[in-house]
Amino acid sequence: MARKKKKTTKKEDRYWLQEAKERMEKKGTVGKFTRYCIRKGYKGVTQACINEAKQEARKTGNTELLKEAVFAQNVRKIAKKRKKKK
């Protein structure tokens, strides 16, 4: 069953990335996807690595890997937008 999305304010929406980083630090998963990409032979998190991880996760049913890949893709989009602003 899908989670219900709670209503958030604009201020809460702006800080979702910081909250996600705090959760990752608490769980100890910071850098886990980067290590996965390096183990697969990439030089770091690239779009090709993200695509491969998503494909592999869907085949094997590994939801944790899929979530990590989607998160990495979203962060890359944000970084690209910030880079364009400068």
C-alpha atoms as a PDB file:
ATOM      1  CA  MET A   1       0.000   0.000   0.000  1.00  0.00           C
ATOM      2  CA  ALA A   2       1.349   3.393  -0.967  1.00  0.00           C
ATOM      3  CA  ARG A   3       2.202   5.878   1.731  1.00  0.00           C
ATOM      4  CA  LYS A   4      -0.091   8.847   2.097  1.00  0.00           C
ATOM      5  CA  LYS A   5       1.671  12.054   1.299  1.00  0.00           C
ATOM      6  CA  LYS A   6       1.365  14.476   4.160  1.00  0.00           C
ATOM      7  CA  LYS A   7       0.711  18.119   3.461  1.00  0.00           C
ATOM      8  CA  THR A   8       3.880  20.148   3.702  1.00  0.00           C
ATOM      9  CA  THR A   9       4.636  23.822   3.708  1.00  0.00           C
ATOM     10  CA  LYS A  10       6.931  25.459   1.199  1.00  0.00           C
ATOM     11  CA  LYS A  11       9.621  25.798   3.854  1.00  0.00           C
ATOM     12  CA  GLU A  12       9.542  22.045   4.525  1.00  0.00           C
ATOM     13  CA  ASP A  13       9.710  21.318   0.793  1.00  0.00           C
ATOM     14  CA  ARG A  14      12.868  23.404   0.484  1.00  0.00           C
ATOM     15  CA  TYR A  15      14.780  21.376   3.060  1.00  0.00           C
ATOM     16  CA  TRP A  16      13.956  17.808   1.967  1.00  0.00           C
ATOM     17  CA  LEU A  17      17.516  17.191   0.801  1.00  0.00           C
ATOM     18  CA  GLN A  18      19.042  18.159   4.149  1.00  0.00           C
ATOM     19  CA  GLU A  19      16.542  15.905   5.929  1.00  0.00           C
ATOM     20  CA  ALA A  20      17.390  13.035   3.578  1.00  0.00           C
ATOM     21  CA  LYS A  21      21.095  13.493   4.280  1.00  0.00           C
ATOM     22  CA  GLU A  22      20.459  13.405   8.028  1.00  0.00           C
ATOM     23  CA  ARG A  23      18.509  10.145   7.659  1.00  0.00           C
ATOM     24  CA  MET A  24      21.314   8.659   5.549  1.00  0.00           C
ATOM     25  CA  GLU A  25      23.914   9.604   8.169  1.00  0.00           C
ATOM     26  CA  LYS A  26      21.775   8.104  10.913  1.00  0.00           C
ATOM     27  CA  LYS A  27      21.337   4.840   8.966  1.00  0.00           C
ATOM     28  CA  GLY A  28      24.991   4.776   7.900  1.00  0.00           C
ATOM     29  CA  THR A  29      24.264   4.624   4.174  1.00  0.00           C
ATOM     30  CA  VAL A  30      26.133   7.752   3.051  1.00  0.00           C
ATOM     31  CA  GLY A  31      28.252   6.812   0.017  1.00  0.00           C
ATOM     32  CA  LYS A  32      26.701   3.371  -0.389  1.00  0.00           C
ATOM     33  CA  PHE A  33      25.541   3.984  -3.968  1.00  0.00           C
ATOM     34  CA  THR A  34      28.899   5.521  -4.913  1.00  0.00           C
ATOM     35  CA  ARG A  35      30.642   2.386  -3.654  1.00  0.00           C
ATOM     36  CA  TYR A  36      28.185   0.299  -5.713  1.00  0.00           C
ATOM     37  CA  CYS A  37      29.039   2.240  -8.881  1.00  0.00           C
ATOM     38  CA  ILE A  38      32.791   1.957  -8.298  1.00  0.00           C
ATOM     39  CA  ARG A  39      32.426  -1.786  -7.679  1.00  0.00           C
ATOM     40  CA  LYS A  40      30.601  -2.040 -11.035  1.00  0.00           C
ATOM     41  CA  GLY A  41      33.564  -0.399 -12.796  1.00  0.00           C
ATOM     42  CA  TYR A  42      32.434   3.224 -13.054  1.00  0.00           C
ATOM     43  CA  LYS A  43      34.532   6.136 -11.834  1.00  0.00           C
ATOM     44  CA  GLY A  44      31.693   7.329  -9.616  1.00  0.00           C
ATOM     45  CA  VAL A  45      27.986   7.986  -9.866  1.00  0.00           C
ATOM     46  CA  THR A  46      27.205   8.508 -13.547  1.00  0.00           C
ATOM     47  CA  GLN A  47      23.962   8.388 -15.467  1.00  0.00           C
ATOM     48  CA  ALA A  48      25.040   5.085 -17.005  1.00  0.00           C
ATOM     49  CA  CYS A  49      25.572   3.608 -13.538  1.00  0.00           C
ATOM     50  CA  ILE A  50      22.175   4.889 -12.404  1.00  0.00           C
ATOM     51  CA  ASN A  51      20.464   3.361 -15.426  1.00  0.00           C
ATOM     52  CA  GLU A  52      22.227   0.033 -14.923  1.00  0.00           C
ATOM     53  CA  ALA A  53      21.341  -0.022 -11.227  1.00  0.00           C
ATOM     54  CA  LYS A  54      17.681   0.738 -11.938  1.00  0.00           C
ATOM     55  CA  GLN A  55      17.541  -2.000 -14.552  1.00  0.00           C
ATOM     56  CA  GLU A  56      19.232  -4.532 -12.261  1.00  0.00           C
ATOM     57  CA  ALA A  57      17.009  -3.567  -9.326  1.00  0.00           C
ATOM     58  CA  ARG A  58      13.858  -4.073 -11.367  1.00  0.00           C
ATOM     59  CA  LYS A  59      15.043  -7.498 -12.563  1.00  0.00           C
ATOM     60  CA  THR A  60      15.981  -8.741  -9.106  1.00  0.00           C
ATOM     61  CA  GLY A  61      13.280  -6.926  -7.152  1.00  0.00           C
ATOM     62  CA  ASN A  62      15.863  -5.100  -5.020  1.00  0.00           C
ATOM     63  CA  THR A  63      13.793  -2.107  -3.869  1.00  0.00           C
ATOM     64  CA  GLU A  64      16.621  -0.649  -1.776  1.00  0.00           C
ATOM     65  CA  LEU A  65      18.917  -0.367  -4.804  1.00  0.00           C
ATOM     66  CA  LEU A  66      16.095   1.123  -6.864  1.00  0.00           C
ATOM     67  CA  LYS A  67      15.448   3.788  -4.217  1.00  0.00           C
ATOM     68  CA  GLU A  68      19.144   4.655  -4.081  1.00  0.00           C
ATOM     69  CA  ALA A  69      19.344   4.956  -7.878  1.00  0.00           C
ATOM     70  CA  VAL A  70      16.256   7.167  -8.092  1.00  0.00           C
ATOM     71  CA  PHE A  71      17.576   9.359  -5.270  1.00  0.00           C
ATOM     72  CA  ALA A  72      20.924   9.718  -7.057  1.00  0.00           C
ATOM     73  CA  GLN A  73      19.118  10.661 -10.264  1.00  0.00           C
ATOM     74  CA  ASN A  74      17.064  13.331  -8.467  1.00  0.00           C
ATOM     75  CA  VAL A  75      20.140  14.808  -6.807  1.00  0.00           C
ATOM     76  CA  ARG A  76      21.920  14.962 -10.179  1.00  0.00           C
ATOM     77  CA  LYS A  77      18.955  16.918 -11.602  1.00  0.00           C
ATOM     78  CA  ILE A  78      19.139  19.416  -8.736  1.00  0.00           C
ATOM     79  CA  ALA A  79      22.892  19.819  -9.175  1.00  0.00           C
ATOM     80  CA  LYS A  80      22.452  20.424 -12.896  1.00  0.00           C
ATOM     81  CA  LYS A  81      19.834  23.136 -12.246  1.00  0.00           C
ATOM     82  CA  ARG A  82      22.066  24.836  -9.677  1.00  0.00           C
ATOM     83  CA  LYS A  83      24.996  24.761 -12.089  1.00  0.00           C
ATOM     84  CA  LYS A  84      22.916  26.443 -14.802  1.00  0.00           C
ATOM     85  CA  LYS A  85      21.945  29.308 -12.454  1.00  0.00           C
ATOM     86  CA  LYS A  86      25.590  30.323 -11.941  1.00  0.00           C
END
